[in-house]
Amino acid sequence: MQGNVYLKFYLTEKQLHQSKSMSEWLLETARALGAPGGSVFRAVAGYGRHGRLHEETFFELGADLPVQVEFVLEPTRANQLLGVIAAENISLPYVRYVVECGNTLPQA
């Protein structure tokens, strides 16, 4: 068991940075910093601070659905990732908290 940080970012499908999707940019940046893994999840519906509902409907082919990008990393790597995002002048809502993680089977 290790003390790590769970870091989750909230964005939408259409958010871009450096001509690529923000979720892809976050994954690539975290990987370059040595994060052991990351995941992207697309929501069915959601709303944010502006109160605008984002949802997938049959008639809305160009939906801008909510996306969550999450990582479980060492606190140092989480700080590095947040630092890179700040240096790029990107404003993203996020949550961060300490988590316990491990493996159900002992390492051989």
PDB file of N, CA and C in Angstrom:
ATOM      1  N   MET A   1       0.834  -1.184   0.000  1.00  0.00           N
ATOM      2  CA  MET A   1       0.000   0.000   0.000  1.00  0.00           C
ATOM      3  C   MET A   1       0.881   1.250   0.000  1.00  0.00           C
ATOM      4  N   GLN A   2       0.472   2.207  -0.766  1.00  0.00           N
ATOM      5  CA  GLN A   2       1.224   3.449  -0.866  1.00  0.00           C
ATOM      6  C   GLN A   2       0.282   4.634  -0.722  1.00  0.00           C
ATOM      7  N   GLY A   3       0.797   5.748  -0.178  1.00  0.00           N
ATOM      8  CA  GLY A   3       0.030   6.990  -0.151  1.00  0.00           C
ATOM      9  C   GLY A   3       0.234   7.719  -1.463  1.00  0.00           C
ATOM     10  N   ASN A   4      -0.798   7.805  -2.250  1.00  0.00           N
ATOM     11  CA  ASN A   4      -0.736   8.489  -3.538  1.00  0.00           C
ATOM     12  C   ASN A   4      -1.826   9.538  -3.613  1.00  0.00           C
ATOM     13  N   VAL A   5      -1.879  10.217  -4.728  1.00  0.00           N
ATOM     14  CA  VAL A   5      -2.853  11.276  -4.954  1.00  0.00           C
ATOM     15  C   VAL A   5      -3.741  10.877  -6.121  1.00  0.00           C
ATOM     16  N   TYR A   6      -5.044  11.032  -5.920  1.00  0.00           N
ATOM     17  CA  TYR A   6      -6.020  10.871  -6.992  1.00  0.00           C
ATOM     18  C   TYR A   6      -6.281  12.271  -7.540  1.00  0.00           C
ATOM     19  N   LEU A   7      -6.064  12.449  -8.821  1.00  0.00           N
ATOM     20  CA  LEU A   7      -6.201  13.750  -9.459  1.00  0.00           C
ATOM     21  C   LEU A   7      -7.158  13.599 -10.634  1.00  0.00           C
ATOM     22  N   LYS A   8      -8.281  14.323 -10.593  1.00  0.00           N
ATOM     23  CA  LYS A   8      -9.276  14.235 -11.653  1.00  0.00           C
ATOM     24  C   LYS A   8      -9.564  15.622 -12.201  1.00  0.00           C
ATOM     25  N   PHE A   9      -9.535  15.731 -13.530  1.00  0.00           N
ATOM     26  CA  PHE A   9      -9.822  16.990 -14.226  1.00  0.00           C
ATOM     27  C   PHE A   9     -11.169  16.878 -14.920  1.00  0.00           C
ATOM     28  N   TYR A  10     -11.885  17.994 -14.961  1.00  0.00           N
ATOM     29  CA  TYR A  10     -13.188  18.058 -15.612  1.00  0.00           C
ATOM     30  C   TYR A  10     -13.078  18.973 -16.830  1.00  0.00           C
ATOM     31  N   LEU A  11     -13.485  18.463 -17.983  1.00  0.00           N
ATOM     32  CA  LEU A  11     -13.439  19.250 -19.211  1.00  0.00           C
ATOM     33  C   LEU A  11     -14.542  18.768 -20.142  1.00  0.00           C
ATOM     34  N   THR A  12     -14.521  19.224 -21.363  1.00  0.00           N
ATOM     35  CA  THR A  12     -15.488  18.763 -22.355  1.00  0.00           C
ATOM     36  C   THR A  12     -14.740  18.206 -23.556  1.00  0.00           C
ATOM     37  N   GLU A  13     -15.455  17.432 -24.353  1.00  0.00           N
ATOM     38  CA  GLU A  13     -14.845  16.776 -25.522  1.00  0.00           C
ATOM     39  C   GLU A  13     -14.171  17.747 -26.480  1.00  0.00           C
ATOM     40  N   LYS A  14     -14.751  18.914 -26.637  1.00  0.00           N
ATOM     41  CA  LYS A  14     -14.261  19.844 -27.657  1.00  0.00           C
ATOM     42  C   LYS A  14     -13.142  20.772 -27.183  1.00  0.00           C
ATOM     43  N   GLN A  15     -12.756  20.679 -25.919  1.00  0.00           N
ATOM     44  CA  GLN A  15     -11.664  21.535 -25.446  1.00  0.00           C
ATOM     45  C   GLN A  15     -10.366  21.105 -26.097  1.00  0.00           C
ATOM     46  N   LEU A  16      -9.633  22.086 -26.597  1.00  0.00           N
ATOM     47  CA  LEU A  16      -8.368  21.829 -27.288  1.00  0.00           C
ATOM     48  C   LEU A  16      -7.219  22.541 -26.597  1.00  0.00           C
ATOM     49  N   HIS A  17      -6.026  21.992 -26.794  1.00  0.00           N
ATOM     50  CA  HIS A  17      -4.785  22.663 -26.397  1.00  0.00           C
ATOM     51  C   HIS A  17      -3.703  22.189 -27.349  1.00  0.00           C
ATOM     52  N   GLN A  18      -2.986  23.112 -27.920  1.00  0.00           N
ATOM     53  CA  GLN A  18      -1.929  22.813 -28.895  1.00  0.00           C
ATOM     54  C   GLN A  18      -2.463  21.928 -30.036  1.00  0.00           C
ATOM     55  N   SER A  19      -3.621  22.269 -30.543  1.00  0.00           N
ATOM     56  CA  SER A  19      -4.250  21.616 -31.696  1.00  0.00           C
ATOM     57  C   SER A  19      -4.622  20.152 -31.469  1.00  0.00           C
ATOM     58  N   LYS A  20      -4.760  19.734 -30.226  1.00  0.00           N
ATOM     59  CA  LYS A  20      -5.234  18.380 -29.946  1.00  0.00           C
ATOM     60  C   LYS A  20      -6.236  18.450 -28.816  1.00  0.00           C
ATOM     61  N   SER A  21      -6.980  17.375 -28.621  1.00  0.00           N
ATOM     62  CA  SER A  21      -7.970  17.396 -27.557  1.00  0.00           C
ATOM     63  C   SER A  21      -7.261  17.572 -26.213  1.00  0.00           C
ATOM     64  N   MET A  22      -7.918  18.295 -25.311  1.00  0.00           N
ATOM     65  CA  MET A  22      -7.332  18.547 -24.001  1.00  0.00           C
ATOM     66  C   MET A  22      -7.090  17.229 -23.260  1.00  0.00           C
ATOM     67  N   SER A  23      -8.003  16.277 -23.403  1.00  0.00           N
ATOM     68  CA  SER A  23      -7.815  14.996 -22.715  1.00  0.00           C
ATOM     69  C   SER A  23      -6.572  14.274 -23.224  1.00  0.00           C
ATOM     70  N   GLU A  24      -6.351  14.284 -24.522  1.00  0.00           N
ATOM     71  CA  GLU A  24      -5.154  13.666 -25.097  1.00  0.00           C
ATOM     72  C   GLU A  24      -3.897  14.395 -24.618  1.00  0.00           C
ATOM     73  N   TRP A  25      -3.947  15.723 -24.609  1.00  0.00           N
ATOM     74  CA  TRP A  25      -2.797  16.504 -24.154  1.00  0.00           C
ATOM     75  C   TRP A  25      -2.474  16.181 -22.688  1.00  0.00           C
ATOM     76  N   LEU A  26      -3.502  16.075 -21.845  1.00  0.00           N
ATOM     77  CA  LEU A  26      -3.275  15.746 -20.437  1.00  0.00           C
ATOM     78  C   LEU A  26      -2.635  14.369 -20.282  1.00  0.00           C
ATOM     79  N   LEU A  27      -3.144  13.371 -21.010  1.00  0.00           N
ATOM     80  CA  LEU A  27      -2.563  12.031 -20.933  1.00  0.00           C
ATOM     81  C   LEU A  27      -1.102  12.028 -21.377  1.00  0.00           C
ATOM     82  N   GLU A  28      -0.814  12.685 -22.489  1.00  0.00           N
ATOM     83  CA  GLU A  28       0.561  12.720 -23.002  1.00  0.00           C
ATOM     84  C   GLU A  28       1.492  13.453 -22.047  1.00  0.00           C
ATOM     85  N   THR A  29       1.013  14.548 -21.468  1.00  0.00           N
ATOM     86  CA  THR A  29       1.827  15.324 -20.541  1.00  0.00           C
ATOM     87  C   THR A  29       2.119  14.519 -19.281  1.00  0.00           C
ATOM     88  N   ALA A  30       1.100  13.873 -18.739  1.00  0.00           N
ATOM     89  CA  ALA A  30       1.285  13.054 -17.541  1.00  0.00           C
ATOM     90  C   ALA A  30       2.234  11.892 -17.812  1.00  0.00           C
ATOM     91  N   ARG A  31       2.102  11.267 -18.969  1.00  0.00           N
ATOM     92  CA  ARG A  31       3.001  10.158 -19.318  1.00  0.00           C
ATOM     93  C   ARG A  31       4.443  10.639 -19.413  1.00  0.00           C
ATOM     94  N   ALA A  32       4.643  11.805 -20.021  1.00  0.00           N
ATOM     95  CA  ALA A  32       5.990  12.364 -20.130  1.00  0.00           C
ATOM     96  C   ALA A  32       6.597  12.679 -18.764  1.00  0.00           C
ATOM     97  N   LEU A  33       5.745  12.966 -17.785  1.00  0.00           N
ATOM     98  CA  LEU A  33       6.222  13.251 -16.426  1.00  0.00           C
ATOM     99  C   LEU A  33       6.428  11.978 -15.606  1.00  0.00           C
ATOM    100  N   GLY A  34       6.111  10.829 -16.191  1.00  0.00           N
ATOM    101  CA  GLY A  34       6.323   9.563 -15.501  1.00  0.00           C
ATOM    102  C   GLY A  34       5.130   9.018 -14.751  1.00  0.00           C
ATOM    103  N   ALA A  35       3.935   9.530 -15.032  1.00  0.00           N
ATOM    104  CA  ALA A  35       2.731   8.995 -14.391  1.00  0.00           C
ATOM    105  C   ALA A  35       2.548   7.545 -14.828  1.00  0.00           C
ATOM    106  N   PRO A  36       2.217   6.654 -13.895  1.00  0.00           N
ATOM    107  CA  PRO A  36       2.091   5.240 -14.250  1.00  0.00           C
ATOM    108  C   PRO A  36       0.863   4.909 -15.095  1.00  0.00           C
ATOM    109  N   GLY A  37      -0.110   5.800 -15.184  1.00  0.00           N
ATOM    110  CA  GLY A  37      -1.291   5.557 -15.997  1.00  0.00           C
ATOM    111  C   GLY A  37      -2.295   6.675 -15.849  1.00  0.00           C
ATOM    112  N   GLY A  38      -3.223   6.723 -16.763  1.00  0.00           N
ATOM    113  CA  GLY A  38      -4.280   7.723 -16.731  1.00  0.00           C
ATOM    114  C   GLY A  38      -5.454   7.216 -17.543  1.00  0.00           C
ATOM    115  N   SER A  39      -6.636   7.732 -17.266  1.00  0.00           N
ATOM    116  CA  SER A  39      -7.846   7.296 -17.967  1.00  0.00           C
ATOM    117  C   SER A  39      -8.709   8.497 -18.308  1.00  0.00           C
ATOM    118  N   VAL A  40      -9.457   8.355 -19.396  1.00  0.00           N
ATOM    119  CA  VAL A  40     -10.414   9.368 -19.831  1.00  0.00           C
ATOM    120  C   VAL A  40     -11.791   8.716 -19.869  1.00  0.00           C
ATOM    121  N   PHE A  41     -12.774   9.386 -19.269  1.00  0.00           N
ATOM    122  CA  PHE A  41     -14.141   8.897 -19.244  1.00  0.00           C
ATOM    123  C   PHE A  41     -15.064   9.970 -19.799  1.00  0.00           C
ATOM    124  N   ARG A  42     -15.943   9.569 -20.693  1.00  0.00           N
ATOM    125  CA  ARG A  42     -16.928  10.485 -21.269  1.00  0.00           C
ATOM    126  C   ARG A  42     -18.259  10.274 -20.559  1.00  0.00           C
ATOM    127  N   ALA A  43     -18.856  11.347 -20.154  1.00  0.00           N
ATOM    128  CA  ALA A  43     -20.135  11.273 -19.451  1.00  0.00           C
ATOM    129  C   ALA A  43     -21.297  11.282 -20.435  1.00  0.00           C
ATOM    130  N   VAL A  44     -22.419  10.799 -19.991  1.00  0.00           N
ATOM    131  CA  VAL A  44     -23.645  10.830 -20.785  1.00  0.00           C
ATOM    132  C   VAL A  44     -24.240  12.229 -20.762  1.00  0.00           C
ATOM    133  N   ALA A  45     -24.138  12.895 -19.604  1.00  0.00           N
ATOM    134  CA  ALA A  45     -24.649  14.248 -19.457  1.00  0.00           C
ATOM    135  C   ALA A  45     -23.995  14.891 -18.244  1.00  0.00           C
ATOM    136  N   GLY A  46     -24.061  16.214 -18.187  1.00  0.00           N
ATOM    137  CA  GLY A  46     -23.533  16.940 -17.043  1.00  0.00           C
ATOM    138  C   GLY A  46     -23.638  18.436 -17.264  1.00  0.00           C
ATOM    139  N   TYR A  47     -23.387  19.175 -16.192  1.00  0.00           N
ATOM    140  CA  TYR A  47     -23.324  20.627 -16.308  1.00  0.00           C
ATOM    141  C   TYR A  47     -22.235  21.119 -15.369  1.00  0.00           C
ATOM    142  N   GLY A  48     -21.734  22.305 -15.668  1.00  0.00           N
ATOM    143  CA  GLY A  48     -20.652  22.880 -14.883  1.00  0.00           C
ATOM    144  C   GLY A  48     -21.052  24.197 -14.262  1.00  0.00           C
ATOM    145  N   ARG A  49     -20.044  24.999 -13.966  1.00  0.00           N
ATOM    146  CA  ARG A  49     -20.272  26.254 -13.231  1.00  0.00           C
ATOM    147  C   ARG A  49     -21.161  27.238 -13.962  1.00  0.00           C
ATOM    148  N   HIS A  50     -21.256  27.131 -15.285  1.00  0.00           N
ATOM    149  CA  HIS A  50     -22.108  28.058 -16.039  1.00  0.00           C
ATOM    150  C   HIS A  50     -23.553  27.568 -16.127  1.00  0.00           C
ATOM    151  N   GLY A  51     -23.808  26.364 -15.626  1.00  0.00           N
ATOM    152  CA  GLY A  51     -25.166  25.833 -15.601  1.00  0.00           C
ATOM    153  C   GLY A  51     -25.670  25.309 -16.933  1.00  0.00           C
ATOM    154  N   ARG A  52     -24.827  25.302 -17.961  1.00  0.00           N
ATOM    155  CA  ARG A  52     -25.250  24.822 -19.286  1.00  0.00           C
ATOM    156  C   ARG A  52     -25.189  23.302 -19.303  1.00  0.00           C
ATOM    157  N   LEU A  53     -26.298  22.664 -19.641  1.00  0.00           N
ATOM    158  CA  LEU A  53     -26.377  21.212 -19.690  1.00  0.00           C
ATOM    159  C   LEU A  53     -25.700  20.707 -20.956  1.00  0.00           C
ATOM    160  N   HIS A  54     -24.802  19.759 -20.800  1.00  0.00           N
ATOM    161  CA  HIS A  54     -24.150  19.083 -21.920  1.00  0.00           C
ATOM    162  C   HIS A  54     -24.668  17.653 -21.906  1.00  0.00           C
ATOM    163  N   GLU A  55     -25.307  17.248 -23.003  1.00  0.00           N
ATOM    164  CA  GLU A  55     -25.821  15.892 -23.052  1.00  0.00           C
ATOM    165  C   GLU A  55     -25.848  15.395 -24.485  1.00  0.00           C
ATOM    166  N   GLU A  56     -25.829  14.088 -24.615  1.00  0.00           N
ATOM    167  CA  GLU A  56     -25.878  13.465 -25.921  1.00  0.00           C
ATOM    168  C   GLU A  56     -27.330  13.165 -26.255  1.00  0.00           C
ATOM    169  N   THR A  57     -27.771  13.682 -27.375  1.00  0.00           N
ATOM    170  CA  THR A  57     -29.127  13.394 -27.832  1.00  0.00           C
ATOM    171  C   THR A  57     -29.069  12.920 -29.267  1.00  0.00           C
ATOM    172  N   PHE A  58     -30.128  12.316 -29.713  1.00  0.00           N
ATOM    173  CA  PHE A  58     -30.197  11.810 -31.076  1.00  0.00           C
ATOM    174  C   PHE A  58     -30.032  12.933 -32.099  1.00  0.00           C
ATOM    175  N   PHE A  59     -30.601  14.108 -31.805  1.00  0.00           N
ATOM    176  CA  PHE A  59     -30.593  15.207 -32.762  1.00  0.00           C
ATOM    177  C   PHE A  59     -29.341  16.062 -32.679  1.00  0.00           C
ATOM    178  N   GLU A  60     -28.572  15.885 -31.647  1.00  0.00           N
ATOM    179  CA  GLU A  60     -27.395  16.731 -31.447  1.00  0.00           C
ATOM    180  C   GLU A  60     -26.136  15.935 -31.784  1.00  0.00           C
ATOM    181  N   LEU A  61     -25.761  15.961 -33.066  1.00  0.00           N
ATOM    182  CA  LEU A  61     -24.612  15.191 -33.516  1.00  0.00           C
ATOM    183  C   LEU A  61     -23.295  15.803 -33.059  1.00  0.00           C
ATOM    184  N   GLY A  62     -23.252  17.091 -32.869  1.00  0.00           N
ATOM    185  CA  GLY A  62     -22.024  17.765 -32.465  1.00  0.00           C
ATOM    186  C   GLY A  62     -21.980  18.028 -30.973  1.00  0.00           C
ATOM    187  N   ALA A  63     -22.386  17.059 -30.183  1.00  0.00           N
ATOM    188  CA  ALA A  63     -22.440  17.245 -28.727  1.00  0.00           C
ATOM    189  C   ALA A  63     -21.063  17.567 -28.169  1.00  0.00           C
ATOM    190  N   ASP A  64     -21.047  18.343 -27.115  1.00  0.00           N
ATOM    191  CA  ASP A  64     -19.819  18.688 -26.404  1.00  0.00           C
ATOM    192  C   ASP A  64     -19.943  18.094 -25.001  1.00  0.00           C
ATOM    193  N   LEU A  65     -19.772  16.795 -24.921  1.00  0.00           N
ATOM    194  CA  LEU A  65     -20.047  16.058 -23.689  1.00  0.00           C
ATOM    195  C   LEU A  65     -18.964  16.263 -22.632  1.00  0.00           C
ATOM    196  N   PRO A  66     -19.358  16.152 -21.365  1.00  0.00           N
ATOM    197  CA  PRO A  66     -18.383  16.254 -20.283  1.00  0.00           C
ATOM    198  C   PRO A  66     -17.398  15.081 -20.329  1.00  0.00           C
ATOM    199  N   VAL A  67     -16.176  15.364 -19.955  1.00  0.00           N
ATOM    200  CA  VAL A  67     -15.106  14.367 -19.929  1.00  0.00           C
ATOM    201  C   VAL A  67     -14.371  14.496 -18.606  1.00  0.00           C
ATOM    202  N   GLN A  68     -13.980  13.354 -18.051  1.00  0.00           N
ATOM    203  CA  GLN A  68     -13.149  13.329 -16.852  1.00  0.00           C
ATOM    204  C   GLN A  68     -11.841  12.644 -17.212  1.00  0.00           C
ATOM    205  N   VAL A  69     -10.740  13.248 -16.817  1.00  0.00           N
ATOM    206  CA  VAL A  69      -9.421  12.660 -17.007  1.00  0.00           C
ATOM    207  C   VAL A  69      -8.841  12.449 -15.620  1.00  0.00           C
ATOM    208  N   GLU A  70      -8.459  11.210 -15.315  1.00  0.00           N
ATOM    209  CA  GLU A  70      -8.020  10.943 -13.953  1.00  0.00           C
ATOM    210  C   GLU A  70      -6.707  10.163 -13.899  1.00  0.00           C
ATOM    211  N   PHE A  71      -6.010  10.411 -12.803  1.00  0.00           N
ATOM    212  CA  PHE A  71      -4.712   9.790 -12.558  1.00  0.00           C
ATOM    213  C   PHE A  71      -4.608   9.424 -11.085  1.00  0.00           C
ATOM    214  N   VAL A  72      -3.864   8.379 -10.796  1.00  0.00           N
ATOM    215  CA  VAL A  72      -3.424   8.090  -9.435  1.00  0.00           C
ATOM    216  C   VAL A  72      -1.909   8.124  -9.503  1.00  0.00           C
ATOM    217  N   LEU A  73      -1.323   9.084  -8.793  1.00  0.00           N
ATOM    218  CA  LEU A  73       0.118   9.306  -8.892  1.00  0.00           C
ATOM    219  C   LEU A  73       0.739   9.675  -7.557  1.00  0.00           C
ATOM    220  N   GLU A  74       2.060   9.658  -7.557  1.00  0.00           N
ATOM    221  CA  GLU A  74       2.792  10.127  -6.389  1.00  0.00           C
ATOM    222  C   GLU A  74       2.530  11.620  -6.236  1.00  0.00           C
ATOM    223  N   PRO A  75       2.515  12.135  -5.003  1.00  0.00           N
ATOM    224  CA  PRO A  75       2.254  13.557  -4.787  1.00  0.00           C
ATOM    225  C   PRO A  75       3.194  14.474  -5.582  1.00  0.00           C
ATOM    226  N   THR A  76       4.451  14.080  -5.710  1.00  0.00           N
ATOM    227  CA  THR A  76       5.417  14.900  -6.461  1.00  0.00           C
ATOM    228  C   THR A  76       5.013  15.013  -7.926  1.00  0.00           C
ATOM    229  N   ARG A  77       4.608  13.893  -8.518  1.00  0.00           N
ATOM    230  CA  ARG A  77       4.186  13.912  -9.930  1.00  0.00           C
ATOM    231  C   ARG A  77       2.886  14.702 -10.107  1.00  0.00           C
ATOM    232  N   ALA A  78       1.978  14.601  -9.149  1.00  0.00           N
ATOM    233  CA  ALA A  78       0.739  15.389  -9.218  1.00  0.00           C
ATOM    234  C   ALA A  78       1.066  16.878  -9.208  1.00  0.00           C
ATOM    235  N   ASN A  79       1.989  17.285  -8.333  1.00  0.00           N
ATOM    236  CA  ASN A  79       2.414  18.691  -8.278  1.00  0.00           C
ATOM    237  C   ASN A  79       3.069  19.119  -9.584  1.00  0.00           C
ATOM    238  N   GLN A  80       3.876  18.234 -10.168  1.00  0.00           N
ATOM    239  CA  GLN A  80       4.517  18.553 -11.453  1.00  0.00           C
ATOM    240  C   GLN A  80       3.468  18.753 -12.543  1.00  0.00           C
ATOM    241  N   LEU A  81       2.488  17.862 -12.601  1.00  0.00           N
ATOM    242  CA  LEU A  81       1.445  17.971 -13.621  1.00  0.00           C
ATOM    243  C   LEU A  81       0.650  19.259 -13.450  1.00  0.00           C
ATOM    244  N   LEU A  82       0.267  19.573 -12.229  1.00  0.00           N
ATOM    245  CA  LEU A  82      -0.454  20.828 -11.987  1.00  0.00           C
ATOM    246  C   LEU A  82       0.410  22.031 -12.346  1.00  0.00           C
ATOM    247  N   GLY A  83       1.710  21.938 -12.105  1.00  0.00           N
ATOM    248  CA  GLY A  83       2.628  23.022 -12.466  1.00  0.00           C
ATOM    249  C   GLY A  83       2.720  23.239 -13.965  1.00  0.00           C
ATOM    250  N   VAL A  84       2.782  22.146 -14.728  1.00  0.00           N
ATOM    251  CA  VAL A  84       2.830  22.255 -16.192  1.00  0.00           C
ATOM    252  C   VAL A  84       1.537  22.874 -16.717  1.00  0.00           C
ATOM    253  N   ILE A  85       0.416  22.449 -16.171  1.00  0.00           N
ATOM    254  CA  ILE A  85      -0.880  23.001 -16.600  1.00  0.00           C
ATOM    255  C   ILE A  85      -0.934  24.497 -16.310  1.00  0.00           C
ATOM    256  N   ALA A  86      -0.478  24.906 -15.129  1.00  0.00           N
ATOM    257  CA  ALA A  86      -0.458  26.333 -14.776  1.00  0.00           C
ATOM    258  C   ALA A  86       0.489  27.107 -15.689  1.00  0.00           C
ATOM    259  N   ALA A  87       1.648  26.524 -15.983  1.00  0.00           N
ATOM    260  CA  ALA A  87       2.625  27.194 -16.861  1.00  0.00           C
ATOM    261  C   ALA A  87       2.087  27.375 -18.275  1.00  0.00           C
ATOM    262  N   GLU A  88       1.208  26.467 -18.705  1.00  0.00           N
ATOM    263  CA  GLU A  88       0.580  26.568 -20.026  1.00  0.00           C
ATOM    264  C   GLU A  88      -0.617  27.522 -20.004  1.00  0.00           C
ATOM    265  N   ASN A  89      -0.906  28.098 -18.839  1.00  0.00           N
ATOM    266  CA  ASN A  89      -2.009  29.047 -18.669  1.00  0.00           C
ATOM    267  C   ASN A  89      -3.368  28.413 -18.992  1.00  0.00           C
ATOM    268  N   ILE A  90      -3.528  27.162 -18.555  1.00  0.00           N
ATOM    269  CA  ILE A  90      -4.770  26.423 -18.770  1.00  0.00           C
ATOM    270  C   ILE A  90      -5.587  26.481 -17.484  1.00  0.00           C
ATOM    271  N   SER A  91      -6.858  26.797 -17.620  1.00  0.00           N
ATOM    272  CA  SER A  91      -7.758  26.812 -16.479  1.00  0.00           C
ATOM    273  C   SER A  91      -8.667  25.582 -16.550  1.00  0.00           C
ATOM    274  N   LEU A  92      -8.473  24.642 -15.629  1.00  0.00           N
ATOM    275  CA  LEU A  92      -9.281  23.428 -15.580  1.00  0.00           C
ATOM    276  C   LEU A  92      -9.744  23.169 -14.152  1.00  0.00           C
ATOM    277  N   PRO A  93     -11.008  22.874 -13.951  1.00  0.00           N
ATOM    278  CA  PRO A  93     -11.434  22.452 -12.619  1.00  0.00           C
ATOM    279  C   PRO A  93     -10.879  21.052 -12.339  1.00  0.00           C
ATOM    280  N   TYR A  94     -10.507  20.804 -11.084  1.00  0.00           N
ATOM    281  CA  TYR A  94      -9.987  19.493 -10.722  1.00  0.00           C
ATOM    282  C   TYR A  94     -10.302  19.184  -9.265  1.00  0.00           C
ATOM    283  N   VAL A  95     -10.187  17.903  -8.926  1.00  0.00           N
ATOM    284  CA  VAL A  95     -10.229  17.461  -7.534  1.00  0.00           C
ATOM    285  C   VAL A  95      -8.954  16.673  -7.282  1.00  0.00           C
ATOM    286  N   ARG A  96      -8.504  16.765  -6.039  1.00  0.00           N
ATOM    287  CA  ARG A  96      -7.274  16.078  -5.644  1.00  0.00           C
ATOM    288  C   ARG A  96      -7.453  15.607  -4.209  1.00  0.00           C
ATOM    289  N   TYR A  97      -7.161  14.347  -3.976  1.00  0.00           N
ATOM    290  CA  TYR A  97      -7.186  13.867  -2.606  1.00  0.00           C
ATOM    291  C   TYR A  97      -6.248  12.677  -2.459  1.00  0.00           C
ATOM    292  N   VAL A  98      -5.852  12.432  -1.223  1.00  0.00           N
ATOM    293  CA  VAL A  98      -4.941  11.340  -0.922  1.00  0.00           C
ATOM    294  C   VAL A  98      -5.723  10.034  -0.946  1.00  0.00           C
ATOM    295  N   VAL A  99      -5.140   9.021  -1.575  1.00  0.00           N
ATOM    296  CA  VAL A  99      -5.769   7.713  -1.659  1.00  0.00           C
ATOM    297  C   VAL A  99      -4.776   6.627  -1.253  1.00  0.00           C
ATOM    298  N   GLU A 100      -5.315   5.541  -0.831  1.00  0.00           N
ATOM    299  CA  GLU A 100      -4.499   4.361  -0.566  1.00  0.00           C
ATOM    300  C   GLU A 100      -4.680   3.442  -1.762  1.00  0.00           C
ATOM    301  N   CYS A 101      -3.600   2.938  -2.284  1.00  0.00           N
ATOM    302  CA  CYS A 101      -3.715   2.043  -3.424  1.00  0.00           C
ATOM    303  C   CYS A 101      -2.726   0.894  -3.268  1.00  0.00           C
ATOM    304  N   GLY A 102      -2.979  -0.170  -3.956  1.00  0.00           N
ATOM    305  CA  GLY A 102      -2.115  -1.332  -3.896  1.00  0.00           C
ATOM    306  C   GLY A 102      -2.605  -2.362  -4.875  1.00  0.00           C
ATOM    307  N   ASN A 103      -2.224  -3.606  -4.633  1.00  0.00           N
ATOM    308  CA  ASN A 103      -2.615  -4.704  -5.479  1.00  0.00           C
ATOM    309  C   ASN A 103      -3.223  -5.788  -4.591  1.00  0.00           C
ATOM    310  N   THR A 104      -4.266  -6.430  -5.043  1.00  0.00           N
ATOM    311  CA  THR A 104      -4.923  -7.453  -4.236  1.00  0.00           C
ATOM    312  C   THR A 104      -4.063  -8.688  -4.046  1.00  0.00           C
ATOM    313  N   LEU A 105      -3.139  -8.933  -4.955  1.00  0.00           N
ATOM    314  CA  LEU A 105      -2.235 -10.077  -4.839  1.00  0.00           C
ATOM    315  C   LEU A 105      -0.838  -9.578  -4.472  1.00  0.00           C
ATOM    316  N   PRO A 106      -0.144 -10.269  -3.584  1.00  0.00           N
ATOM    317  CA  PRO A 106       1.217  -9.849  -3.234  1.00  0.00           C
ATOM    318  C   PRO A 106       2.140  -9.963  -4.439  1.00  0.00           C
ATOM    319  N   GLN A 107       3.100  -9.070  -4.505  1.00  0.00           N
ATOM    320  CA  GLN A 107       4.072  -9.100  -5.590  1.00  0.00           C
ATOM    321  C   GLN A 107       5.043 -10.252  -5.368  1.00  0.00           C
ATOM    322  N   ALA A 108       5.352 -10.970  -6.427  1.00  0.00           N
ATOM    323  CA  ALA A 108       6.258 -12.132  -6.315  1.00  0.00           C
ATOM    324  C   ALA A 108       7.708 -11.693  -6.330  1.00  0.00           C
TER     325      ALA A 108
END
